[in-house]
Amino acid sequence: MKELKIEDLQRYLSSKYKDGRTSSGLFMKLVEEVGEVAEVLNQMEGRKSKEGQISLEAELVDVIHYAVAIASINNIDLTTAIIEKDKKAAVKYNQSPNLKEFMKENHSI
């Protein structure tokens, strides 16, 4: 299977939600999915019964889907934004390597 790139997912979701979905509407779906992740984690850690157990994998995919969709309809280049945000966090928290350096070391860029 071909590697999925953030850019590909953004183009796909941008075309999927071009019908006028709003950032706030997608955000409400994102919040709902984050709640479902919390439910799964509570089940996994024994704080909640496992009735109707849902998959952590599926719920995390839903969270990523709606977060990327919000970025896509707002024309945010997530690849650039993630690398730049990580670079600032690496300096702030004195971490090395940063994501860009890591990617170079692993021949990802």
PDB file of N, CA and C in Angstrom:
ATOM      1  N   MET A   1       0.839  -1.193   0.000  1.00  0.00           N
ATOM      2  CA  MET A   1       0.000   0.000   0.000  1.00  0.00           C
ATOM      3  C   MET A   1       0.874   1.242   0.000  1.00  0.00           C
ATOM      4  N   LYS A   2       0.445   2.226  -0.743  1.00  0.00           N
ATOM      5  CA  LYS A   2       1.156   3.489  -0.810  1.00  0.00           C
ATOM      6  C   LYS A   2       1.100   4.199   0.539  1.00  0.00           C
ATOM      7  N   GLU A   3       2.170   4.890   0.851  1.00  0.00           N
ATOM      8  CA  GLU A   3       2.248   5.667   2.074  1.00  0.00           C
ATOM      9  C   GLU A   3       1.257   6.834   2.016  1.00  0.00           C
ATOM     10  N   LEU A   4       0.511   7.049   3.084  1.00  0.00           N
ATOM     11  CA  LEU A   4      -0.416   8.177   3.143  1.00  0.00           C
ATOM     12  C   LEU A   4       0.334   9.398   3.650  1.00  0.00           C
ATOM     13  N   LYS A   5       0.253  10.467   2.913  1.00  0.00           N
ATOM     14  CA  LYS A   5       0.892  11.715   3.308  1.00  0.00           C
ATOM     15  C   LYS A   5      -0.194  12.674   3.791  1.00  0.00           C
ATOM     16  N   ILE A   6       0.191  13.530   4.722  1.00  0.00           N
ATOM     17  CA  ILE A   6      -0.755  14.512   5.254  1.00  0.00           C
ATOM     18  C   ILE A   6      -1.343  15.349   4.119  1.00  0.00           C
ATOM     19  N   GLU A   7      -0.507  15.700   3.146  1.00  0.00           N
ATOM     20  CA  GLU A   7      -0.969  16.524   2.022  1.00  0.00           C
ATOM     21  C   GLU A   7      -2.102  15.833   1.269  1.00  0.00           C
ATOM     22  N   ASP A   8      -1.962  14.515   1.073  1.00  0.00           N
ATOM     23  CA  ASP A   8      -2.994  13.756   0.369  1.00  0.00           C
ATOM     24  C   ASP A   8      -4.298  13.757   1.156  1.00  0.00           C
ATOM     25  N   LEU A   9      -4.180  13.530   2.459  1.00  0.00           N
ATOM     26  CA  LEU A   9      -5.375  13.524   3.307  1.00  0.00           C
ATOM     27  C   LEU A   9      -6.030  14.898   3.301  1.00  0.00           C
ATOM     28  N   GLN A  10      -5.225  15.954   3.337  1.00  0.00           N
ATOM     29  CA  GLN A  10      -5.793  17.302   3.320  1.00  0.00           C
ATOM     30  C   GLN A  10      -6.530  17.584   2.019  1.00  0.00           C
ATOM     31  N   ARG A  11      -5.954  17.189   0.887  1.00  0.00           N
ATOM     32  CA  ARG A  11      -6.635  17.409  -0.397  1.00  0.00           C
ATOM     33  C   ARG A  11      -7.937  16.622  -0.450  1.00  0.00           C
ATOM     34  N   TYR A  12      -7.905  15.373   0.016  1.00  0.00           N
ATOM     35  CA  TYR A  12      -9.102  14.531   0.026  1.00  0.00           C
ATOM     36  C   TYR A  12     -10.197  15.150   0.889  1.00  0.00           C
ATOM     37  N   LEU A  13      -9.847  15.560   2.113  1.00  0.00           N
ATOM     38  CA  LEU A  13     -10.857  16.118   3.018  1.00  0.00           C
ATOM     39  C   LEU A  13     -11.346  17.479   2.546  1.00  0.00           C
ATOM     40  N   SER A  14     -10.468  18.240   1.923  1.00  0.00           N
ATOM     41  CA  SER A  14     -10.886  19.529   1.373  1.00  0.00           C
ATOM     42  C   SER A  14     -11.960  19.324   0.307  1.00  0.00           C
ATOM     43  N   SER A  15     -11.765  18.317  -0.542  1.00  0.00           N
ATOM     44  CA  SER A  15     -12.782  18.045  -1.571  1.00  0.00           C
ATOM     45  C   SER A  15     -14.043  17.450  -0.958  1.00  0.00           C
ATOM     46  N   LYS A  16     -13.880  16.652   0.084  1.00  0.00           N
ATOM     47  CA  LYS A  16     -15.034  16.022   0.742  1.00  0.00           C
ATOM     48  C   LYS A  16     -15.923  17.050   1.440  1.00  0.00           C
ATOM     49  N   TYR A  17     -15.310  18.071   2.022  1.00  0.00           N
ATOM     50  CA  TYR A  17     -16.063  19.049   2.801  1.00  0.00           C
ATOM     51  C   TYR A  17     -16.234  20.377   2.076  1.00  0.00           C
ATOM     52  N   LYS A  18     -16.052  20.389   0.762  1.00  0.00           N
ATOM     53  CA  LYS A  18     -16.183  21.637   0.007  1.00  0.00           C
ATOM     54  C   LYS A  18     -17.626  22.127  -0.063  1.00  0.00           C
ATOM     55  N   ASP A  19     -18.571  21.309   0.401  1.00  0.00           N
ATOM     56  CA  ASP A  19     -19.994  21.651   0.319  1.00  0.00           C
ATOM     57  C   ASP A  19     -20.439  22.658   1.374  1.00  0.00           C
ATOM     58  N   GLY A  20     -19.493  23.344   1.997  1.00  0.00           N
ATOM     59  CA  GLY A  20     -19.880  24.390   2.931  1.00  0.00           C
ATOM     60  C   GLY A  20     -19.871  23.993   4.390  1.00  0.00           C
ATOM     61  N   ARG A  21     -19.266  22.844   4.727  1.00  0.00           N
ATOM     62  CA  ARG A  21     -19.155  22.505   6.146  1.00  0.00           C
ATOM     63  C   ARG A  21     -18.342  23.591   6.833  1.00  0.00           C
ATOM     64  N   THR A  22     -18.743  23.945   8.016  1.00  0.00           N
ATOM     65  CA  THR A  22     -18.064  25.013   8.738  1.00  0.00           C
ATOM     66  C   THR A  22     -17.039  24.445   9.715  1.00  0.00           C
ATOM     67  N   SER A  23     -16.079  25.278  10.057  1.00  0.00           N
ATOM     68  CA  SER A  23     -15.081  24.889  11.055  1.00  0.00           C
ATOM     69  C   SER A  23     -15.754  24.531  12.365  1.00  0.00           C
ATOM     70  N   SER A  24     -16.757  25.315  12.757  1.00  0.00           N
ATOM     71  CA  SER A  24     -17.408  25.028  14.046  1.00  0.00           C
ATOM     72  C   SER A  24     -18.186  23.718  14.000  1.00  0.00           C
ATOM     73  N   GLY A  25     -18.804  23.400  12.864  1.00  0.00           N
ATOM     74  CA  GLY A  25     -19.503  22.126  12.735  1.00  0.00           C
ATOM     75  C   GLY A  25     -18.546  20.951  12.821  1.00  0.00           C
ATOM     76  N   LEU A  26     -17.410  21.073  12.132  1.00  0.00           N
ATOM     77  CA  LEU A  26     -16.394  20.019  12.193  1.00  0.00           C
ATOM     78  C   LEU A  26     -15.774  19.935  13.582  1.00  0.00           C
ATOM     79  N   PHE A  27     -15.627  21.084  14.237  1.00  0.00           N
ATOM     80  CA  PHE A  27     -15.081  21.087  15.596  1.00  0.00           C
ATOM     81  C   PHE A  27     -16.005  20.340  16.556  1.00  0.00           C
ATOM     82  N   MET A  28     -17.302  20.513  16.391  1.00  0.00           N
ATOM     83  CA  MET A  28     -18.243  19.782  17.256  1.00  0.00           C
ATOM     84  C   MET A  28     -18.077  18.274  17.076  1.00  0.00           C
ATOM     85  N   LYS A  29     -17.865  17.831  15.840  1.00  0.00           N
ATOM     86  CA  LYS A  29     -17.610  16.411  15.581  1.00  0.00           C
ATOM     87  C   LYS A  29     -16.283  15.986  16.218  1.00  0.00           C
ATOM     88  N   LEU A  30     -15.274  16.853  16.143  1.00  0.00           N
ATOM     89  CA  LEU A  30     -13.981  16.561  16.754  1.00  0.00           C
ATOM     90  C   LEU A  30     -14.123  16.372  18.260  1.00  0.00           C
ATOM     91  N   VAL A  31     -14.843  17.259  18.899  1.00  0.00           N
ATOM     92  CA  VAL A  31     -15.055  17.165  20.350  1.00  0.00           C
ATOM     93  C   VAL A  31     -15.772  15.864  20.697  1.00  0.00           C
ATOM     94  N   GLU A  32     -16.775  15.504  19.911  1.00  0.00           N
ATOM     95  CA  GLU A  32     -17.503  14.253  20.111  1.00  0.00           C
ATOM     96  C   GLU A  32     -16.549  13.059  20.033  1.00  0.00           C
ATOM     97  N   GLU A  33     -15.678  13.079  19.040  1.00  0.00           N
ATOM     98  CA  GLU A  33     -14.735  11.974  18.871  1.00  0.00           C
ATOM     99  C   GLU A  33     -13.703  11.929  19.994  1.00  0.00           C
ATOM    100  N   VAL A  34     -13.251  13.094  20.468  1.00  0.00           N
ATOM    101  CA  VAL A  34     -12.323  13.130  21.601  1.00  0.00           C
ATOM    102  C   VAL A  34     -13.000  12.508  22.828  1.00  0.00           C
ATOM    103  N   GLY A  35     -14.281  12.798  23.013  1.00  0.00           N
ATOM    104  CA  GLY A  35     -15.039  12.179  24.101  1.00  0.00           C
ATOM    105  C   GLY A  35     -15.083  10.665  23.970  1.00  0.00           C
ATOM    106  N   GLU A  36     -15.191  10.175  22.744  1.00  0.00           N
ATOM    107  CA  GLU A  36     -15.210   8.733  22.530  1.00  0.00           C
ATOM    108  C   GLU A  36     -13.840   8.121  22.811  1.00  0.00           C
ATOM    109  N   VAL A  37     -12.765   8.847  22.519  1.00  0.00           N
ATOM    110  CA  VAL A  37     -11.425   8.377  22.892  1.00  0.00           C
ATOM    111  C   VAL A  37     -11.334   8.271  24.412  1.00  0.00           C
ATOM    112  N   ALA A  38     -11.845   9.273  25.116  1.00  0.00           N
ATOM    113  CA  ALA A  38     -11.834   9.248  26.581  1.00  0.00           C
ATOM    114  C   ALA A  38     -12.618   8.046  27.102  1.00  0.00           C
ATOM    115  N   GLU A  39     -13.739   7.753  26.473  1.00  0.00           N
ATOM    116  CA  GLU A  39     -14.540   6.598  26.883  1.00  0.00           C
ATOM    117  C   GLU A  39     -13.759   5.293  26.716  1.00  0.00           C
ATOM    118  N   VAL A  40     -13.084   5.145  25.584  1.00  0.00           N
ATOM    119  CA  VAL A  40     -12.290   3.932  25.348  1.00  0.00           C
ATOM    120  C   VAL A  40     -11.174   3.821  26.374  1.00  0.00           C
ATOM    121  N   LEU A  41     -10.474   4.917  26.625  1.00  0.00           N
ATOM    122  CA  LEU A  41      -9.387   4.879  27.604  1.00  0.00           C
ATOM    123  C   LEU A  41      -9.906   4.536  28.991  1.00  0.00           C
ATOM    124  N   ASN A  42     -11.055   5.086  29.350  1.00  0.00           N
ATOM    125  CA  ASN A  42     -11.662   4.742  30.637  1.00  0.00           C
ATOM    126  C   ASN A  42     -12.004   3.257  30.705  1.00  0.00           C
ATOM    127  N   GLN A  43     -12.486   2.686  29.615  1.00  0.00           N
ATOM    128  CA  GLN A  43     -12.776   1.256  29.571  1.00  0.00           C
ATOM    129  C   GLN A  43     -11.488   0.450  29.695  1.00  0.00           C
ATOM    130  N   MET A  44     -10.474   0.851  28.958  1.00  0.00           N
ATOM    131  CA  MET A  44      -9.201   0.126  28.961  1.00  0.00           C
ATOM    132  C   MET A  44      -8.540   0.145  30.339  1.00  0.00           C
ATOM    133  N   GLU A  45      -8.723   1.228  31.070  1.00  0.00           N
ATOM    134  CA  GLU A  45      -8.068   1.384  32.364  1.00  0.00           C
ATOM    135  C   GLU A  45      -8.983   1.009  33.525  1.00  0.00           C
ATOM    136  N   GLY A  46     -10.142   0.422  33.204  1.00  0.00           N
ATOM    137  CA  GLY A  46     -11.011  -0.133  34.228  1.00  0.00           C
ATOM    138  C   GLY A  46     -11.888   0.854  34.967  1.00  0.00           C
ATOM    139  N   ARG A  47     -11.951   2.085  34.527  1.00  0.00           N
ATOM    140  CA  ARG A  47     -12.797   3.078  35.198  1.00  0.00           C
ATOM    141  C   ARG A  47     -14.221   3.043  34.688  1.00  0.00           C
ATOM    142  N   LYS A  48     -14.442   2.282  33.632  1.00  0.00           N
ATOM    143  CA  LYS A  48     -15.772   2.206  33.037  1.00  0.00           C
ATOM    144  C   LYS A  48     -15.977   0.792  32.514  1.00  0.00           C
ATOM    145  N   SER A  49     -17.230   0.309  32.586  1.00  0.00           N
ATOM    146  CA  SER A  49     -17.505  -1.041  32.107  1.00  0.00           C
ATOM    147  C   SER A  49     -17.276  -1.118  30.606  1.00  0.00           C
ATOM    148  N   LYS A  50     -17.005  -2.317  30.141  1.00  0.00           N
ATOM    149  CA  LYS A  50     -16.667  -2.502  28.731  1.00  0.00           C
ATOM    150  C   LYS A  50     -17.873  -2.862  27.881  1.00  0.00           C
ATOM    151  N   GLU A  51     -19.059  -2.443  28.299  1.00  0.00           N
ATOM    152  CA  GLU A  51     -20.263  -2.671  27.503  1.00  0.00           C
ATOM    153  C   GLU A  51     -20.167  -1.847  26.218  1.00  0.00           C
ATOM    154  N   GLY A  52     -20.426  -2.491  25.104  1.00  0.00           N
ATOM    155  CA  GLY A  52     -20.396  -1.785  23.829  1.00  0.00           C
ATOM    156  C   GLY A  52     -19.045  -1.168  23.545  1.00  0.00           C
ATOM    157  N   GLN A  53     -17.990  -1.905  23.881  1.00  0.00           N
ATOM    158  CA  GLN A  53     -16.629  -1.383  23.733  1.00  0.00           C
ATOM    159  C   GLN A  53     -16.359  -0.954  22.297  1.00  0.00           C
ATOM    160  N   ILE A  54     -15.745   0.198  22.170  1.00  0.00           N
ATOM    161  CA  ILE A  54     -15.377   0.719  20.860  1.00  0.00           C
ATOM    162  C   ILE A  54     -13.860   0.694  20.725  1.00  0.00           C
ATOM    163  N   SER A  55     -13.379   0.783  19.529  1.00  0.00           N
ATOM    164  CA  SER A  55     -11.960   0.643  19.228  1.00  0.00           C
ATOM    165  C   SER A  55     -11.203   1.961  19.403  1.00  0.00           C
ATOM    166  N   LEU A  56     -10.126   1.921  20.160  1.00  0.00           N
ATOM    167  CA  LEU A  56      -9.277   3.097  20.309  1.00  0.00           C
ATOM    168  C   LEU A  56      -8.734   3.520  18.942  1.00  0.00           C
ATOM    169  N   GLU A  57      -8.330   2.555  18.145  1.00  0.00           N
ATOM    170  CA  GLU A  57      -7.808   2.846  16.814  1.00  0.00           C
ATOM    171  C   GLU A  57      -8.817   3.641  15.987  1.00  0.00           C
ATOM    172  N   ALA A  58     -10.047   3.158  15.948  1.00  0.00           N
ATOM    173  CA  ALA A  58     -11.081   3.817  15.147  1.00  0.00           C
ATOM    174  C   ALA A  58     -11.367   5.228  15.657  1.00  0.00           C
ATOM    175  N   GLU A  59     -11.393   5.394  16.957  1.00  0.00           N
ATOM    176  CA  GLU A  59     -11.701   6.712  17.520  1.00  0.00           C
ATOM    177  C   GLU A  59     -10.557   7.695  17.291  1.00  0.00           C
ATOM    178  N   LEU A  60      -9.321   7.227  17.380  1.00  0.00           N
ATOM    179  CA  LEU A  60      -8.190   8.116  17.094  1.00  0.00           C
ATOM    180  C   LEU A  60      -8.180   8.534  15.627  1.00  0.00           C
ATOM    181  N   VAL A  61      -8.543   7.609  14.748  1.00  0.00           N
ATOM    182  CA  VAL A  61      -8.643   7.955  13.324  1.00  0.00           C
ATOM    183  C   VAL A  61      -9.699   9.038  13.126  1.00  0.00           C
ATOM    184  N   ASP A  62     -10.817   8.924  13.822  1.00  0.00           N
ATOM    185  CA  ASP A  62     -11.864   9.949  13.715  1.00  0.00           C
ATOM    186  C   ASP A  62     -11.365  11.313  14.202  1.00  0.00           C
ATOM    187  N   VAL A  63     -10.592  11.325  15.291  1.00  0.00           N
ATOM    188  CA  VAL A  63     -10.038  12.580  15.810  1.00  0.00           C
ATOM    189  C   VAL A  63      -9.119  13.211  14.766  1.00  0.00           C
ATOM    190  N   ILE A  64      -8.240  12.398  14.193  1.00  0.00           N
ATOM    191  CA  ILE A  64      -7.332  12.905  13.163  1.00  0.00           C
ATOM    192  C   ILE A  64      -8.126  13.421  11.966  1.00  0.00           C
ATOM    193  N   HIS A  65      -9.130  12.667  11.554  1.00  0.00           N
ATOM    194  CA  HIS A  65      -9.962  13.053  10.412  1.00  0.00           C
ATOM    195  C   HIS A  65     -10.528  14.457  10.601  1.00  0.00           C
ATOM    196  N   TYR A  66     -11.184  14.696  11.719  1.00  0.00           N
ATOM    197  CA  TYR A  66     -11.830  15.997  11.905  1.00  0.00           C
ATOM    198  C   TYR A  66     -10.831  17.119  12.151  1.00  0.00           C
ATOM    199  N   ALA A  67      -9.707  16.840  12.823  1.00  0.00           N
ATOM    200  CA  ALA A  67      -8.688  17.875  13.013  1.00  0.00           C
ATOM    201  C   ALA A  67      -8.085  18.281  11.665  1.00  0.00           C
ATOM    202  N   VAL A  68      -7.790  17.295  10.828  1.00  0.00           N
ATOM    203  CA  VAL A  68      -7.224  17.589   9.508  1.00  0.00           C
ATOM    204  C   VAL A  68      -8.268  18.275   8.620  1.00  0.00           C
ATOM    205  N   ALA A  69      -9.515  17.879   8.740  1.00  0.00           N
ATOM    206  CA  ALA A  69     -10.581  18.521   7.953  1.00  0.00           C
ATOM    207  C   ALA A  69     -10.689  20.010   8.286  1.00  0.00           C
ATOM    208  N   ILE A  70     -10.615  20.340   9.568  1.00  0.00           N
ATOM    209  CA  ILE A  70     -10.674  21.750   9.976  1.00  0.00           C
ATOM    210  C   ILE A  70      -9.508  22.520   9.362  1.00  0.00           C
ATOM    211  N   ALA A  71      -8.307  21.949   9.431  1.00  0.00           N
ATOM    212  CA  ALA A  71      -7.150  22.608   8.827  1.00  0.00           C
ATOM    213  C   ALA A  71      -7.350  22.763   7.327  1.00  0.00           C
ATOM    214  N   SER A  72      -7.874  21.739   6.691  1.00  0.00           N
ATOM    215  CA  SER A  72      -8.030  21.742   5.229  1.00  0.00           C
ATOM    216  C   SER A  72      -8.972  22.826   4.744  1.00  0.00           C
ATOM    217  N   ILE A  73     -10.116  22.958   5.399  1.00  0.00           N
ATOM    218  CA  ILE A  73     -11.066  23.967   4.919  1.00  0.00           C
ATOM    219  C   ILE A  73     -10.622  25.388   5.272  1.00  0.00           C
ATOM    220  N   ASN A  74      -9.595  25.483   6.123  1.00  0.00           N
ATOM    221  CA  ASN A  74      -9.040  26.793   6.469  1.00  0.00           C
ATOM    222  C   ASN A  74      -7.696  27.045   5.787  1.00  0.00           C
ATOM    223  N   ASN A  75      -7.387  26.204   4.793  1.00  0.00           N
ATOM    224  CA  ASN A  75      -6.162  26.353   3.998  1.00  0.00           C
ATOM    225  C   ASN A  75      -4.886  26.396   4.832  1.00  0.00           C
ATOM    226  N   ILE A  76      -4.826  25.544   5.848  1.00  0.00           N
ATOM    227  CA  ILE A  76      -3.631  25.437   6.680  1.00  0.00           C
ATOM    228  C   ILE A  76      -2.805  24.260   6.173  1.00  0.00           C
ATOM    229  N   ASP A  77      -1.557  24.512   5.848  1.00  0.00           N
ATOM    230  CA  ASP A  77      -0.635  23.464   5.425  1.00  0.00           C
ATOM    231  C   ASP A  77      -0.113  22.785   6.691  1.00  0.00           C
ATOM    232  N   LEU A  78      -0.699  21.648   7.034  1.00  0.00           N
ATOM    233  CA  LEU A  78      -0.341  20.986   8.283  1.00  0.00           C
ATOM    234  C   LEU A  78       1.098  20.489   8.310  1.00  0.00           C
ATOM    235  N   THR A  79       1.631  20.065   7.192  1.00  0.00           N
ATOM    236  CA  THR A  79       3.020  19.588   7.184  1.00  0.00           C
ATOM    237  C   THR A  79       3.949  20.699   7.648  1.00  0.00           C
ATOM    238  N   THR A  80       3.822  21.858   7.042  1.00  0.00           N
ATOM    239  CA  THR A  80       4.647  22.995   7.429  1.00  0.00           C
ATOM    240  C   THR A  80       4.355  23.422   8.863  1.00  0.00           C
ATOM    241  N   ALA A  81       3.089  23.483   9.218  1.00  0.00           N
ATOM    242  CA  ALA A  81       2.706  23.922  10.561  1.00  0.00           C
ATOM    243  C   ALA A  81       3.248  22.982  11.645  1.00  0.00           C
ATOM    244  N   ILE A  82       3.193  21.681  11.402  1.00  0.00           N
ATOM    245  CA  ILE A  82       3.683  20.705  12.387  1.00  0.00           C
ATOM    246  C   ILE A  82       5.197  20.839  12.559  1.00  0.00           C
ATOM    247  N   ILE A  83       5.913  20.949  11.457  1.00  0.00           N
ATOM    248  CA  ILE A  83       7.375  21.070  11.532  1.00  0.00           C
ATOM    249  C   ILE A  83       7.776  22.361  12.248  1.00  0.00           C
ATOM    250  N   GLU A  84       7.117  23.466  11.916  1.00  0.00           N
ATOM    251  CA  GLU A  84       7.436  24.753  12.557  1.00  0.00           C
ATOM    252  C   GLU A  84       7.077  24.745  14.043  1.00  0.00           C
ATOM    253  N   LYS A  85       5.944  24.195  14.391  1.00  0.00           N
ATOM    254  CA  LYS A  85       5.518  24.120  15.795  1.00  0.00           C
ATOM    255  C   LYS A  85       6.486  23.250  16.600  1.00  0.00           C
ATOM    256  N   ASP A  86       6.906  22.122  16.011  1.00  0.00           N
ATOM    257  CA  ASP A  86       7.842  21.240  16.698  1.00  0.00           C
ATOM    258  C   ASP A  86       9.201  21.908  16.885  1.00  0.00           C
ATOM    259  N   LYS A  87       9.632  22.692  15.886  1.00  0.00           N
ATOM    260  CA  LYS A  87      10.910  23.390  15.991  1.00  0.00           C
ATOM    261  C   LYS A  87      10.894  24.347  17.185  1.00  0.00           C
ATOM    262  N   LYS A  88       9.794  25.074  17.342  1.00  0.00           N
ATOM    263  CA  LYS A  88       9.664  26.002  18.477  1.00  0.00           C
ATOM    264  C   LYS A  88       9.597  25.244  19.801  1.00  0.00           C
ATOM    265  N   ALA A  89       8.872  24.124  19.823  1.00  0.00           N
ATOM    266  CA  ALA A  89       8.766  23.329  21.054  1.00  0.00           C
ATOM    267  C   ALA A  89      10.116  22.727  21.430  1.00  0.00           C
ATOM    268  N   ALA A  90      10.906  22.302  20.441  1.00  0.00           N
ATOM    269  CA  ALA A  90      12.226  21.730  20.715  1.00  0.00           C
ATOM    270  C   ALA A  90      13.139  22.750  21.383  1.00  0.00           C
ATOM    271  N   VAL A  91      13.051  23.996  20.930  1.00  0.00           N
ATOM    272  CA  VAL A  91      13.848  25.058  21.552  1.00  0.00           C
ATOM    273  C   VAL A  91      13.321  25.330  22.960  1.00  0.00           C
ATOM    274  N   LYS A  92      12.020  25.471  23.087  1.00  0.00           N
ATOM    275  CA  LYS A  92      11.403  25.790  24.377  1.00  0.00           C
ATOM    276  C   LYS A  92      11.717  24.732  25.433  1.00  0.00           C
ATOM    277  N   TYR A  93      11.669  23.460  25.042  1.00  0.00           N
ATOM    278  CA  TYR A  93      11.855  22.360  25.999  1.00  0.00           C
ATOM    279  C   TYR A  93      13.238  21.722  25.901  1.00  0.00           C
ATOM    280  N   ASN A  94      14.144  22.371  25.159  1.00  0.00           N
ATOM    281  CA  ASN A  94      15.524  21.914  25.023  1.00  0.00           C
ATOM    282  C   ASN A  94      15.592  20.444  24.595  1.00  0.00           C
ATOM    283  N   GLN A  95      14.906  20.129  23.517  1.00  0.00           N
ATOM    284  CA  GLN A  95      14.859  18.762  23.008  1.00  0.00           C
ATOM    285  C   GLN A  95      15.610  18.677  21.688  1.00  0.00           C
ATOM    286  N   SER A  96      16.284  17.559  21.502  1.00  0.00           N
ATOM    287  CA  SER A  96      17.008  17.353  20.256  1.00  0.00           C
ATOM    288  C   SER A  96      16.925  15.881  19.900  1.00  0.00           C
ATOM    289  N   PRO A  97      16.774  15.534  18.672  1.00  0.00           N
ATOM    290  CA  PRO A  97      16.603  16.422  17.539  1.00  0.00           C
ATOM    291  C   PRO A  97      15.171  16.928  17.446  1.00  0.00           C
ATOM    292  N   ASN A  98      14.976  17.991  16.671  1.00  0.00           N
ATOM    293  CA  ASN A  98      13.608  18.406  16.387  1.00  0.00           C
ATOM    294  C   ASN A  98      13.103  17.540  15.230  1.00  0.00           C
ATOM    295  N   LEU A  99      11.847  17.678  14.879  1.00  0.00           N
ATOM    296  CA  LEU A  99      11.239  16.816  13.861  1.00  0.00           C
ATOM    297  C   LEU A  99      11.960  16.926  12.519  1.00  0.00           C
ATOM    298  N   LYS A 100      12.286  18.138  12.108  1.00  0.00           N
ATOM    299  CA  LYS A 100      12.953  18.324  10.812  1.00  0.00           C
ATOM    300  C   LYS A 100      14.306  17.621  10.807  1.00  0.00           C
ATOM    301  N   GLU A 101      15.066  17.758  11.898  1.00  0.00           N
ATOM    302  CA  GLU A 101      16.362  17.083  12.004  1.00  0.00           C
ATOM    303  C   GLU A 101      16.179  15.564  12.013  1.00  0.00           C
ATOM    304  N   PHE A 102      15.184  15.098  12.732  1.00  0.00           N
ATOM    305  CA  PHE A 102      14.881  13.667  12.795  1.00  0.00           C
ATOM    306  C   PHE A 102      14.571  13.121  11.405  1.00  0.00           C
ATOM    307  N   MET A 103      13.777  13.880  10.653  1.00  0.00           N
ATOM    308  CA  MET A 103      13.410  13.455   9.307  1.00  0.00           C
ATOM    309  C   MET A 103      14.641  13.406   8.396  1.00  0.00           C
ATOM    310  N   LYS A 104      15.539  14.363   8.523  1.00  0.00           N
ATOM    311  CA  LYS A 104      16.777  14.354   7.732  1.00  0.00           C
ATOM    312  C   LYS A 104      17.623  13.130   8.075  1.00  0.00           C
ATOM    313  N   GLU A 105      17.761  12.858   9.386  1.00  0.00           N
ATOM    314  CA  GLU A 105      18.547  11.715   9.834  1.00  0.00           C
ATOM    315  C   GLU A 105      17.978  10.400   9.314  1.00  0.00           C
ATOM    316  N   ASN A 106      16.683  10.357   9.154  1.00  0.00           N
ATOM    317  CA  ASN A 106      16.025   9.138   8.699  1.00  0.00           C
ATOM    318  C   ASN A 106      15.650   9.200   7.222  1.00  0.00           C
ATOM    319  N   HIS A 107      16.230  10.153   6.514  1.00  0.00           N
ATOM    320  CA  HIS A 107      16.057  10.316   5.072  1.00  0.00           C
ATOM    321  C   HIS A 107      14.600  10.457   4.656  1.00  0.00           C
ATOM    322  N   SER A 108      13.791  11.077   5.516  1.00  0.00           N
ATOM    323  CA  SER A 108      12.380  11.280   5.198  1.00  0.00           C
ATOM    324  C   SER A 108      12.162  12.528   4.371  1.00  0.00           C
ATOM    325  N   ILE A 109      13.171  13.411   4.345  1.00  0.00           N
ATOM    326  CA  ILE A 109      13.032  14.627   3.519  1.00  0.00           C
ATOM    327  C   ILE A 109      14.246  14.800   2.643  1.00  0.00           C
TER     328      ILE A 109
END
